[in-house]
Amino acid sequence: MVAKKIFAYTYIYLILLFLYLPVLYLIVFSFTEATYAGQWAGWSWNLYPRLFQDKEIMTALGNTLIIAAISSLLSTLIGTLGAIGVFYCKKGVRHFIEGLNQINVVNAEIVIAMSLTVMFVFVGQHFFGSNSIFSFWTLLIGHCCLSVPFVYLNVKPKIQQMDPALYEAALDLGSSPNQAIHKVIIPQIIPGIMAALLLSFTLSLDDFIVTAFTRGSGLLSGGSQIETLSTLVQSKIKKGAVPPELRALTTIIFLIVLTIVIIYSIRVNSKSKGKRSFGKSHAERRIGFNANPLN
């Protein structure tokens, strides 16, 4: 039994080491000014101030964050409303829509990107008389198409856990459909919505294929083609080494994500402890009440 536990823990720690060793590798070499990761040129913090002075990286970072924020909000809104609507549809319609949604989830990203490109070219030729309709808006549509199916899958389980009679009860008590959704359904599925928001933000943040196929000019790039972090790294790799300042950016992003995860875990654990203590105290009061012979 002890040998099994040792083997299990060793296996888990080796998997975690395999997953996080590349990240730790970049973090270590973010404190040296060597051009290539793996070469040590002495301890230095200079990559961090140089990161914020690099206009090209800051432009790409700004574009990435703006697109990720807007597309994640839109995707979460569309996916959440879609999940609520599908939940109250008839069984046949619900299965049909869920099947269509599943196709987009398992479909290759390159297929989605090429399909969007063909559609935008067709629309540009027949409605605008031009092929050059690619811009921030086409990029935003592409990111939303990528994220909405995953939002639906995150929100759907929370809706299924909810009592379906709550919506009808709210309507019977005088609420309008919009009020019932806003005050009854949405509060019940907030955890799923927040998980969907973070997932869609992450999908947009590191997307490359859809971005490369659907981007145009705009945002912080001005009249030139929109550059995000993923496309910037790809273009730098073509020319040579990745800028060492990106190692510092990777470290900052990792630390921000780690901080968010720790804060969220502490909050969830404190809430669960509060619920357990409340349930325990409530049970103790009930036991004490029943044990009192005067009652």
Protein backbone atom coordinates (compact mmCIF):
# COMPACT_ATOMS: atom_id res chain seq x y z
CA MET A 1 0.00 0.00 0.00
CA VAL A 2 2.83 2.38 0.89
CA ALA A 3 4.63 1.52 -2.35
CA LYS A 4 1.49 2.36 -4.36
CA LYS A 5 1.21 5.75 -2.66
CA ILE A 6 4.89 6.51 -3.31
CA PHE A 7 4.49 5.52 -6.96
CA ALA A 8 1.30 7.60 -7.33
CA TYR A 9 2.83 10.73 -5.78
CA THR A 10 6.04 10.31 -7.78
CA TYR A 11 4.06 9.96 -11.00
CA ILE A 12 1.97 13.08 -10.25
CA TYR A 13 5.02 15.18 -9.38
CA LEU A 14 6.85 14.05 -12.53
CA ILE A 15 3.86 15.05 -14.68
CA LEU A 16 3.70 18.46 -12.96
CA LEU A 17 7.44 18.90 -13.42
CA PHE A 18 7.12 18.03 -17.11
CA LEU A 19 4.32 20.61 -17.51
CA TYR A 20 5.89 23.48 -15.60
CA LEU A 21 9.60 22.98 -16.27
CA PRO A 22 9.51 24.98 -19.57
CA VAL A 23 7.77 27.86 -17.78
CA LEU A 24 10.29 27.80 -14.94
CA TYR A 25 13.05 27.66 -17.55
CA LEU A 26 11.79 30.90 -19.15
CA ILE A 27 11.39 32.55 -15.75
CA VAL A 28 15.00 31.80 -14.78
CA PHE A 29 16.36 33.14 -18.08
CA SER A 30 14.21 36.28 -17.83
CA PHE A 31 16.84 37.49 -15.37
CA THR A 32 19.67 37.52 -17.89
CA GLU A 33 20.18 39.63 -21.01
CA ALA A 34 21.36 36.76 -23.22
CA THR A 35 19.70 36.70 -26.64
CA TYR A 36 18.96 32.99 -26.52
CA ALA A 37 17.34 31.16 -23.61
CA GLY A 38 19.93 28.69 -22.34
CA GLN A 39 22.81 31.14 -22.49
CA TRP A 40 23.62 32.90 -19.21
CA ALA A 41 25.08 36.41 -19.52
CA GLY A 42 25.02 37.32 -15.85
CA TRP A 43 22.21 38.22 -13.48
CA SER A 44 20.20 41.25 -14.64
CA TRP A 45 16.76 42.86 -14.24
CA ASN A 46 17.15 44.93 -17.40
CA LEU A 47 14.75 42.85 -19.51
CA TYR A 48 11.80 44.09 -17.46
CA PRO A 49 12.25 47.85 -17.99
CA ARG A 50 13.23 47.17 -21.60
CA LEU A 51 9.98 45.24 -22.05
CA PHE A 52 7.88 48.31 -21.29
CA GLN A 53 10.07 50.47 -23.53
CA ASP A 54 9.64 48.16 -26.53
CA LYS A 55 6.89 49.82 -28.58
CA GLU A 56 6.37 46.81 -30.83
CA ILE A 57 5.75 44.40 -27.95
CA MET A 58 3.56 46.88 -26.08
CA THR A 59 1.44 47.43 -29.20
CA ALA A 60 1.02 43.69 -29.68
CA LEU A 61 0.19 43.24 -25.98
CA GLY A 62 -2.37 46.06 -26.09
CA ASN A 63 -4.02 44.61 -29.20
CA THR A 64 -4.11 41.15 -27.61
CA LEU A 65 -5.69 42.35 -24.37
CA ILE A 66 -8.28 44.55 -26.09
CA ILE A 67 -9.37 41.79 -28.46
CA ALA A 68 -9.42 39.20 -25.68
CA ALA A 69 -11.46 41.43 -23.37
CA ILE A 70 -14.07 42.44 -25.95
CA SER A 71 -14.41 38.98 -27.54
CA SER A 72 -14.66 37.22 -24.18
CA LEU A 73 -17.42 39.57 -22.99
CA LEU A 74 -19.38 39.18 -26.24
CA SER A 75 -18.84 35.43 -26.35
CA THR A 76 -19.94 35.02 -22.75
CA LEU A 77 -23.07 37.07 -23.36
CA ILE A 78 -23.99 35.20 -26.56
CA GLY A 79 -23.13 31.77 -25.16
CA THR A 80 -24.95 32.32 -21.87
CA LEU A 81 -28.14 33.59 -23.50
CA GLY A 82 -27.91 30.75 -26.01
CA ALA A 83 -27.53 28.15 -23.27
CA ILE A 84 -30.54 29.55 -21.40
CA GLY A 85 -32.65 29.62 -24.56
CA VAL A 86 -31.66 26.10 -25.63
CA PHE A 87 -32.40 24.75 -22.15
CA TYR A 88 -36.04 25.81 -22.46
CA CYS A 89 -36.41 24.55 -26.05
CA LYS A 90 -38.12 21.31 -26.97
CA LYS A 91 -36.05 18.16 -26.64
CA GLY A 92 -35.55 17.63 -30.39
CA VAL A 93 -34.51 21.22 -31.03
CA ARG A 94 -32.18 21.15 -28.01
CA HIS A 95 -30.39 18.00 -29.21
CA PHE A 96 -30.04 19.45 -32.71
CA ILE A 97 -28.48 22.72 -31.50
CA GLU A 98 -26.19 20.91 -29.06
CA GLY A 99 -24.99 18.69 -31.91
CA LEU A 100 -24.17 21.74 -34.02
CA ASN A 101 -22.33 23.29 -31.08
CA GLN A 102 -20.33 20.10 -30.55
CA ILE A 103 -19.12 20.17 -34.17
CA ASN A 104 -17.44 23.54 -33.58
CA VAL A 105 -15.79 22.25 -30.41
CA VAL A 106 -14.17 19.18 -32.00
CA ASN A 107 -13.55 20.83 -35.37
CA ALA A 108 -9.98 21.72 -36.30
CA GLU A 109 -9.18 25.40 -35.77
CA ILE A 110 -7.68 25.67 -39.24
CA VAL A 111 -11.06 24.67 -40.72
CA ILE A 112 -12.82 27.41 -38.74
CA ALA A 113 -10.21 29.98 -39.81
CA MET A 114 -10.38 29.08 -43.50
CA SER A 115 -14.20 28.99 -43.44
CA LEU A 116 -14.31 32.46 -41.94
CA THR A 117 -11.81 33.73 -44.50
CA VAL A 118 -13.88 32.39 -47.40
CA MET A 119 -17.04 33.89 -45.91
CA PHE A 120 -15.43 37.33 -45.42
CA VAL A 121 -14.07 37.34 -48.96
CA PHE A 122 -17.51 36.37 -50.33
CA VAL A 123 -19.23 39.10 -48.30
CA GLY A 124 -16.63 41.65 -49.34
CA GLN A 125 -16.96 40.87 -53.03
CA HIS A 126 -20.77 40.73 -53.20
CA PHE A 127 -21.77 43.39 -50.68
CA PHE A 128 -18.83 45.80 -50.48
CA GLY A 129 -17.19 45.30 -53.85
CA SER A 130 -13.80 44.64 -52.27
CA ASN A 131 -11.75 41.78 -50.88
CA SER A 132 -10.09 43.98 -48.28
CA ILE A 133 -12.80 43.98 -45.62
CA PHE A 134 -10.48 42.36 -43.10
CA SER A 135 -10.16 44.54 -40.02
CA PHE A 136 -10.63 44.50 -36.28
CA TRP A 137 -14.28 43.53 -36.78
CA THR A 138 -13.50 40.41 -38.80
CA LEU A 139 -10.91 39.45 -36.18
CA LEU A 140 -13.46 39.99 -33.40
CA ILE A 141 -16.04 37.83 -35.19
CA GLY A 142 -13.43 35.10 -35.61
CA HIS A 143 -12.55 35.08 -31.91
CA CYS A 144 -16.21 35.03 -30.93
CA CYS A 145 -16.88 32.08 -33.26
CA LEU A 146 -14.00 30.28 -31.58
CA SER A 147 -15.12 30.96 -28.00
CA VAL A 148 -18.94 30.80 -28.02
CA PRO A 149 -19.19 26.96 -28.21
CA PHE A 150 -16.94 26.63 -25.14
CA VAL A 151 -18.98 29.22 -23.25
CA TYR A 152 -22.09 27.18 -23.96
CA LEU A 153 -20.45 24.01 -22.61
CA ASN A 154 -19.40 25.80 -19.40
CA VAL A 155 -22.78 27.39 -18.70
CA LYS A 156 -24.94 24.39 -19.67
CA PRO A 157 -24.14 22.19 -16.59
CA LYS A 158 -25.03 25.02 -14.18
CA ILE A 159 -28.38 25.52 -15.92
CA GLN A 160 -29.06 21.78 -15.73
CA GLN A 161 -28.42 21.85 -11.98
CA MET A 162 -30.99 24.61 -11.58
CA ASP A 163 -34.65 23.88 -10.88
CA PRO A 164 -36.46 24.50 -14.22
CA ALA A 165 -39.58 25.60 -12.34
CA LEU A 166 -37.86 28.72 -10.97
CA TYR A 167 -38.34 30.65 -14.21
CA GLU A 168 -42.06 29.80 -14.43
CA ALA A 169 -42.49 30.64 -10.75
CA ALA A 170 -40.93 34.06 -11.27
CA LEU A 171 -43.30 34.72 -14.19
CA ASP A 172 -46.29 33.62 -12.09
CA LEU A 173 -45.24 36.05 -9.37
CA GLY A 174 -45.36 38.98 -11.79
CA SER A 175 -41.81 39.18 -13.19
CA SER A 176 -41.28 39.94 -16.85
CA PRO A 177 -39.17 37.44 -18.86
CA ASN A 178 -36.18 39.79 -18.73
CA GLN A 179 -36.54 40.27 -14.98
CA ALA A 180 -36.83 36.52 -14.43
CA ILE A 181 -33.63 35.89 -16.38
CA HIS A 182 -31.76 38.74 -14.68
CA LYS A 183 -32.91 38.18 -11.08
CA VAL A 184 -33.57 34.42 -10.94
CA ILE A 185 -31.58 32.50 -13.56
CA ILE A 186 -28.36 34.53 -13.83
CA PRO A 187 -27.56 34.45 -10.06
CA GLN A 188 -27.94 30.66 -10.12
CA ILE A 189 -25.38 30.16 -12.89
CA ILE A 190 -22.78 32.84 -12.02
CA PRO A 191 -19.98 30.27 -11.37
CA GLY A 192 -20.45 28.80 -14.85
CA ILE A 193 -20.53 32.26 -16.42
CA MET A 194 -17.30 33.31 -14.70
CA ALA A 195 -15.57 30.07 -15.73
CA ALA A 196 -16.76 30.62 -19.32
CA LEU A 197 -15.50 34.22 -19.27
CA LEU A 198 -12.02 33.18 -18.13
CA LEU A 199 -11.88 30.33 -20.64
CA SER A 200 -12.94 32.52 -23.58
CA PHE A 201 -10.43 35.19 -22.50
CA THR A 202 -7.67 32.56 -22.46
CA LEU A 203 -8.70 31.14 -25.84
CA SER A 204 -8.55 34.58 -27.40
CA LEU A 205 -5.33 35.52 -25.63
CA ASP A 206 -3.20 32.76 -27.14
CA ASP A 207 -5.00 32.17 -30.44
CA PHE A 208 -2.85 32.28 -33.56
CA ILE A 209 -4.56 30.49 -36.48
CA VAL A 210 -7.89 32.38 -36.46
CA THR A 211 -6.02 35.63 -35.82
CA ALA A 212 -3.62 35.08 -38.72
CA PHE A 213 -6.48 34.37 -41.15
CA THR A 214 -8.98 37.06 -40.11
CA ARG A 215 -6.93 40.08 -39.00
CA GLY A 216 -6.64 43.35 -40.85
CA SER A 217 -5.60 46.88 -40.00
CA GLY A 218 -6.76 48.77 -36.94
CA LEU A 219 -6.56 49.08 -33.16
CA LEU A 220 -3.17 50.16 -31.78
CA SER A 221 -1.44 49.12 -35.01
CA GLY A 222 -3.07 52.00 -36.85
CA GLY A 223 -3.06 51.61 -40.62
CA SER A 224 -0.85 48.50 -40.55
CA GLN A 225 -1.96 44.93 -39.97
CA ILE A 226 -3.03 44.09 -36.41
CA GLU A 227 -0.23 42.38 -34.52
CA THR A 228 -0.96 40.25 -31.45
CA LEU A 229 1.51 38.46 -29.20
CA SER A 230 1.07 35.16 -31.03
CA THR A 231 1.56 36.67 -34.50
CA LEU A 232 4.47 38.78 -33.23
CA VAL A 233 6.29 35.71 -31.89
CA GLN A 234 5.66 33.87 -35.16
CA SER A 235 7.03 36.75 -37.23
CA LYS A 236 10.12 37.04 -34.99
CA ILE A 237 10.82 33.31 -35.23
CA LYS A 238 10.87 33.64 -39.04
CA LYS A 239 13.60 36.28 -38.84
CA GLY A 240 15.70 34.76 -36.04
CA ALA A 241 15.64 34.72 -32.27
CA VAL A 242 12.60 35.66 -30.19
CA PRO A 243 13.22 39.00 -28.41
CA PRO A 244 14.54 38.30 -24.89
CA GLU A 245 12.05 40.84 -23.51
CA LEU A 246 9.30 38.33 -24.23
CA ARG A 247 10.78 36.09 -21.53
CA ALA A 248 10.09 38.85 -19.03
CA LEU A 249 6.55 39.22 -20.39
CA THR A 250 6.01 35.47 -20.02
CA THR A 251 7.11 35.67 -16.38
CA ILE A 252 4.74 38.55 -15.65
CA ILE A 253 1.78 36.78 -17.27
CA PHE A 254 2.54 33.57 -15.36
CA LEU A 255 2.75 35.40 -12.02
CA ILE A 256 -0.52 37.24 -12.67
CA VAL A 257 -2.31 33.98 -13.53
CA LEU A 258 -0.79 32.26 -10.50
CA THR A 259 -1.95 35.08 -8.22
CA ILE A 260 -5.50 34.90 -9.61
CA VAL A 261 -5.62 31.11 -9.13
CA ILE A 262 -4.35 31.38 -5.53
CA ILE A 263 -6.84 34.12 -4.63
CA TYR A 264 -9.69 32.17 -6.23
CA SER A 265 -8.69 28.96 -4.42
CA ILE A 266 -8.50 30.75 -1.06
CA ARG A 267 -11.90 32.31 -1.65
CA VAL A 268 -13.51 28.99 -2.63
CA ASN A 269 -11.97 27.20 0.37
CA SER A 270 -13.12 29.91 2.78
CA LYS A 271 -16.65 29.72 1.39
CA SER A 272 -16.72 25.93 1.69
CA LYS A 273 -15.41 26.12 5.26
CA GLY A 274 -18.07 28.71 6.07
CA LYS A 275 -20.80 26.46 4.70
CA ARG A 276 -19.47 23.45 6.63
CA SER A 277 -19.27 25.41 9.88
CA PHE A 278 -22.77 26.79 9.33
CA GLY A 279 -24.14 23.32 8.66
CA LYS A 280 -22.34 21.92 11.70
CA SER A 281 -23.62 24.66 14.02
CA HIS A 282 -27.12 24.27 12.61
CA ALA A 283 -27.00 20.51 13.22
CA GLU A 284 -25.71 21.04 16.76
CA ARG A 285 -28.58 23.44 17.49
CA ARG A 286 -31.08 20.91 16.20
CA ILE A 287 -29.54 18.13 18.31
CA GLY A 288 -29.57 20.37 21.37
CA PHE A 289 -33.17 21.36 20.71
CA ASN A 290 -34.31 17.74 20.39
CA ALA A 291 -32.31 16.66 23.46
CA ASN A 292 -33.98 19.28 25.67
CA PRO A 293 -36.75 17.48 27.57
CA LEU A 294 -38.68 20.71 28.00
CA ASN A 295 -39.16 20.86 24.24
